[in-house]
Amino acid sequence: MTNAFHSNSIEDNGERIYGGEAGGYIVRFPGGVTLYHAGDTAVFGDMKLIGEIYKPEIAMAADRRCLHHGPRVKRRSAFAYLGSNT
């Protein structure tokens, strides 16, 4: 499990309740393919470290255009930080 930078809460009867820490996952499949799902996060510098250590062939990130960075920035982070092309 990795860091993800995103606040998290739920609404219950008009009250905001803290929903826990955001996170991402690194999954290594049989055969050696590695996937990194960043979760619902903004781009952050440790993505470079994740790329160097785990070398994911597949990188996934949430694409909620109204929040955080759009798809162009997230795709750029996949290339620059992770070394992933997917």
N, C-alpha and C. Protein backbone atom coordinates (compact mmCIF):
# COMPACT_ATOMS: atom_id res chain seq x y z
N MET A 1 0.85 -1.17 0.00
CA MET A 1 0.00 0.00 0.00
C MET A 1 0.89 1.24 0.00
N THR A 2 0.48 2.25 -0.75
CA THR A 2 1.26 3.47 -0.88
C THR A 2 0.46 4.68 -0.41
N ASN A 3 1.16 5.80 -0.25
CA ASN A 3 0.48 7.06 0.06
C ASN A 3 -0.37 7.51 -1.11
N ALA A 4 -1.39 8.25 -0.79
CA ALA A 4 -2.16 9.02 -1.78
C ALA A 4 -2.54 10.31 -1.07
N PHE A 5 -2.48 11.41 -1.78
CA PHE A 5 -2.75 12.70 -1.16
C PHE A 5 -4.14 13.17 -1.56
N HIS A 6 -5.07 12.95 -0.66
CA HIS A 6 -6.47 13.29 -0.92
C HIS A 6 -7.20 13.26 0.42
N SER A 7 -8.06 14.22 0.63
CA SER A 7 -8.86 14.18 1.85
C SER A 7 -10.04 13.24 1.63
N ASN A 8 -10.61 12.75 2.70
CA ASN A 8 -11.65 11.75 2.59
C ASN A 8 -12.67 11.96 3.70
N SER A 9 -13.91 12.12 3.31
CA SER A 9 -14.97 12.24 4.31
C SER A 9 -16.28 11.75 3.72
N ILE A 10 -17.22 11.48 4.58
CA ILE A 10 -18.57 11.10 4.16
C ILE A 10 -19.55 12.03 4.87
N GLU A 11 -20.71 12.16 4.30
CA GLU A 11 -21.73 13.00 4.92
C GLU A 11 -22.80 12.10 5.53
N ASP A 12 -23.10 12.36 6.78
CA ASP A 12 -24.12 11.59 7.50
C ASP A 12 -25.06 12.56 8.20
N ASN A 13 -26.27 12.64 7.73
CA ASN A 13 -27.28 13.56 8.29
C ASN A 13 -26.77 14.99 8.37
N GLY A 14 -26.11 15.45 7.28
CA GLY A 14 -25.61 16.82 7.22
C GLY A 14 -24.30 17.05 7.94
N GLU A 15 -23.72 16.03 8.54
CA GLU A 15 -22.45 16.16 9.26
C GLU A 15 -21.34 15.48 8.48
N ARG A 16 -20.20 16.15 8.33
CA ARG A 16 -19.03 15.57 7.68
C ARG A 16 -18.27 14.69 8.67
N ILE A 17 -18.01 13.46 8.26
CA ILE A 17 -17.30 12.51 9.11
C ILE A 17 -16.04 12.07 8.38
N TYR A 18 -14.91 12.13 9.06
CA TYR A 18 -13.63 11.72 8.50
C TYR A 18 -13.71 10.28 8.03
N GLY A 19 -13.25 10.01 6.80
CA GLY A 19 -13.39 8.68 6.21
C GLY A 19 -12.14 7.83 6.19
N GLY A 20 -11.03 8.31 6.73
CA GLY A 20 -9.81 7.52 6.75
C GLY A 20 -8.78 8.02 5.75
N GLU A 21 -7.63 7.38 5.75
CA GLU A 21 -6.52 7.77 4.88
C GLU A 21 -6.74 7.26 3.46
N ALA A 22 -6.35 8.09 2.50
CA ALA A 22 -6.36 7.66 1.10
C ALA A 22 -5.12 6.80 0.85
N GLY A 23 -5.19 5.94 -0.14
CA GLY A 23 -4.05 5.08 -0.43
C GLY A 23 -4.05 4.57 -1.85
N GLY A 24 -2.91 4.06 -2.25
CA GLY A 24 -2.75 3.41 -3.54
C GLY A 24 -2.20 2.01 -3.31
N TYR A 25 -2.14 1.24 -4.39
CA TYR A 25 -1.68 -0.15 -4.27
C TYR A 25 -0.70 -0.51 -5.37
N ILE A 26 0.24 -1.35 -5.02
CA ILE A 26 1.15 -1.96 -5.97
C ILE A 26 0.84 -3.45 -5.95
N VAL A 27 0.56 -3.99 -7.13
CA VAL A 27 0.20 -5.41 -7.24
C VAL A 27 1.15 -6.06 -8.24
N ARG A 28 1.81 -7.13 -7.81
CA ARG A 28 2.67 -7.91 -8.71
C ARG A 28 1.94 -9.21 -9.03
N PHE A 29 1.65 -9.41 -10.30
CA PHE A 29 0.90 -10.58 -10.75
C PHE A 29 1.83 -11.73 -11.08
N PRO A 30 1.31 -12.97 -11.06
CA PRO A 30 2.11 -14.11 -11.52
C PRO A 30 2.60 -13.82 -12.94
N GLY A 31 3.82 -14.15 -13.21
CA GLY A 31 4.40 -13.84 -14.51
C GLY A 31 5.21 -12.56 -14.48
N GLY A 32 5.14 -11.81 -13.37
CA GLY A 32 6.00 -10.66 -13.18
C GLY A 32 5.45 -9.31 -13.55
N VAL A 33 4.24 -9.22 -14.10
CA VAL A 33 3.67 -7.91 -14.43
C VAL A 33 3.32 -7.17 -13.14
N THR A 34 3.72 -5.89 -13.06
CA THR A 34 3.45 -5.08 -11.88
C THR A 34 2.53 -3.93 -12.24
N LEU A 35 1.51 -3.73 -11.42
CA LEU A 35 0.53 -2.67 -11.59
C LEU A 35 0.60 -1.73 -10.40
N TYR A 36 0.54 -0.45 -10.65
CA TYR A 36 0.44 0.55 -9.59
C TYR A 36 -0.86 1.31 -9.79
N HIS A 37 -1.74 1.22 -8.82
CA HIS A 37 -2.97 2.03 -8.83
C HIS A 37 -2.76 3.12 -7.80
N ALA A 38 -2.69 4.36 -8.28
CA ALA A 38 -2.36 5.49 -7.41
C ALA A 38 -3.50 5.88 -6.48
N GLY A 39 -4.70 5.36 -6.72
CA GLY A 39 -5.84 5.78 -5.92
C GLY A 39 -6.28 7.16 -6.36
N ASP A 40 -7.06 7.81 -5.54
CA ASP A 40 -7.56 9.15 -5.84
C ASP A 40 -6.59 10.15 -5.25
N THR A 41 -5.58 10.51 -6.01
CA THR A 41 -4.51 11.36 -5.49
C THR A 41 -4.09 12.40 -6.52
N ALA A 42 -3.45 13.43 -6.03
CA ALA A 42 -2.75 14.37 -6.90
C ALA A 42 -1.38 13.77 -7.21
N VAL A 43 -0.71 14.31 -8.18
CA VAL A 43 0.65 13.88 -8.50
C VAL A 43 1.56 14.30 -7.34
N PHE A 44 2.47 13.41 -6.94
CA PHE A 44 3.40 13.73 -5.86
C PHE A 44 4.76 13.11 -6.15
N GLY A 45 5.80 13.71 -5.59
CA GLY A 45 7.17 13.35 -5.90
C GLY A 45 7.56 11.92 -5.62
N ASP A 46 6.97 11.28 -4.63
CA ASP A 46 7.33 9.90 -4.32
C ASP A 46 6.88 8.91 -5.39
N MET A 47 6.08 9.37 -6.35
CA MET A 47 5.74 8.50 -7.48
C MET A 47 7.00 8.09 -8.22
N LYS A 48 7.99 8.97 -8.25
CA LYS A 48 9.27 8.65 -8.89
C LYS A 48 9.95 7.49 -8.17
N LEU A 49 9.94 7.53 -6.85
CA LEU A 49 10.52 6.45 -6.05
C LEU A 49 9.76 5.14 -6.25
N ILE A 50 8.45 5.22 -6.30
CA ILE A 50 7.63 4.03 -6.57
C ILE A 50 8.02 3.42 -7.91
N GLY A 51 8.21 4.29 -8.92
CA GLY A 51 8.63 3.82 -10.24
C GLY A 51 10.00 3.17 -10.23
N GLU A 52 10.93 3.75 -9.49
CA GLU A 52 12.29 3.21 -9.44
C GLU A 52 12.35 1.88 -8.71
N ILE A 53 11.60 1.74 -7.63
CA ILE A 53 11.65 0.51 -6.83
C ILE A 53 10.84 -0.62 -7.45
N TYR A 54 9.60 -0.33 -7.85
CA TYR A 54 8.68 -1.38 -8.28
C TYR A 54 8.58 -1.53 -9.80
N LYS A 55 9.00 -0.53 -10.56
CA LYS A 55 9.00 -0.55 -12.02
C LYS A 55 7.67 -1.07 -12.60
N PRO A 56 6.57 -0.41 -12.30
CA PRO A 56 5.28 -0.91 -12.80
C PRO A 56 5.16 -0.79 -14.32
N GLU A 57 4.68 -1.85 -14.95
CA GLU A 57 4.41 -1.81 -16.38
C GLU A 57 3.07 -1.13 -16.66
N ILE A 58 2.18 -1.18 -15.67
CA ILE A 58 0.85 -0.58 -15.80
C ILE A 58 0.64 0.37 -14.64
N ALA A 59 0.21 1.61 -14.95
CA ALA A 59 -0.08 2.60 -13.91
C ALA A 59 -1.49 3.10 -14.11
N MET A 60 -2.24 3.19 -13.02
CA MET A 60 -3.62 3.66 -13.07
C MET A 60 -3.82 4.77 -12.05
N ALA A 61 -4.68 5.73 -12.39
CA ALA A 61 -5.01 6.82 -11.47
C ALA A 61 -6.44 7.25 -11.73
N ALA A 62 -7.09 7.73 -10.70
CA ALA A 62 -8.45 8.25 -10.85
C ALA A 62 -8.42 9.46 -11.77
N ASP A 63 -9.46 9.64 -12.55
CA ASP A 63 -9.55 10.78 -13.45
C ASP A 63 -10.84 11.54 -13.14
N ARG A 64 -10.78 12.34 -12.10
CA ARG A 64 -11.93 13.18 -11.75
C ARG A 64 -11.55 14.59 -12.13
N ARG A 65 -11.95 15.00 -13.31
CA ARG A 65 -11.49 16.26 -13.88
C ARG A 65 -11.84 17.48 -13.03
N CYS A 66 -12.83 17.36 -12.18
CA CYS A 66 -13.21 18.52 -11.37
C CYS A 66 -12.28 18.70 -10.17
N LEU A 67 -11.50 17.68 -9.83
CA LEU A 67 -10.60 17.75 -8.68
C LEU A 67 -9.18 17.40 -9.11
N HIS A 68 -8.23 17.83 -8.36
CA HIS A 68 -6.82 17.48 -8.56
C HIS A 68 -6.34 17.89 -9.95
N HIS A 69 -5.55 17.04 -10.55
CA HIS A 69 -4.99 17.28 -11.87
C HIS A 69 -5.81 16.51 -12.89
N GLY A 70 -5.87 17.03 -14.08
CA GLY A 70 -6.59 16.37 -15.16
C GLY A 70 -5.80 15.22 -15.76
N PRO A 71 -6.36 14.56 -16.76
CA PRO A 71 -5.72 13.39 -17.35
C PRO A 71 -4.37 13.68 -18.00
N ARG A 72 -4.17 14.87 -18.56
CA ARG A 72 -2.90 15.20 -19.19
C ARG A 72 -1.77 15.20 -18.17
N VAL A 73 -2.00 15.80 -17.01
CA VAL A 73 -0.97 15.84 -15.96
C VAL A 73 -0.73 14.45 -15.40
N LYS A 74 -1.77 13.67 -15.20
CA LYS A 74 -1.58 12.32 -14.66
C LYS A 74 -0.84 11.43 -15.65
N ARG A 75 -1.14 11.58 -16.93
CA ARG A 75 -0.41 10.78 -17.93
C ARG A 75 1.06 11.19 -17.92
N ARG A 76 1.33 12.48 -17.81
CA ARG A 76 2.71 12.96 -17.76
C ARG A 76 3.43 12.38 -16.55
N SER A 77 2.75 12.30 -15.42
CA SER A 77 3.38 11.74 -14.23
C SER A 77 3.70 10.27 -14.43
N ALA A 78 2.86 9.56 -15.16
CA ALA A 78 3.12 8.14 -15.43
C ALA A 78 4.41 7.99 -16.22
N PHE A 79 4.63 8.85 -17.21
CA PHE A 79 5.86 8.78 -17.99
C PHE A 79 7.07 9.26 -17.19
N ALA A 80 6.95 10.43 -16.59
CA ALA A 80 8.11 11.05 -15.94
C ALA A 80 8.50 10.37 -14.65
N TYR A 81 7.53 10.06 -13.81
CA TYR A 81 7.83 9.51 -12.50
C TYR A 81 7.92 8.00 -12.49
N LEU A 82 7.00 7.35 -13.17
CA LEU A 82 6.91 5.90 -13.05
C LEU A 82 7.69 5.16 -14.12
N GLY A 83 7.97 5.81 -15.23
CA GLY A 83 8.63 5.11 -16.32
C GLY A 83 7.65 4.18 -17.03
N SER A 84 6.37 4.31 -16.71
CA SER A 84 5.34 3.46 -17.30
C SER A 84 4.83 4.09 -18.57
N ASN A 85 4.42 3.29 -19.52
CA ASN A 85 3.84 3.83 -20.74
C ASN A 85 2.38 3.47 -20.90
N THR A 86 1.77 2.91 -19.88
CA THR A 86 0.37 2.52 -19.94
C THR A 86 -0.42 3.27 -18.89
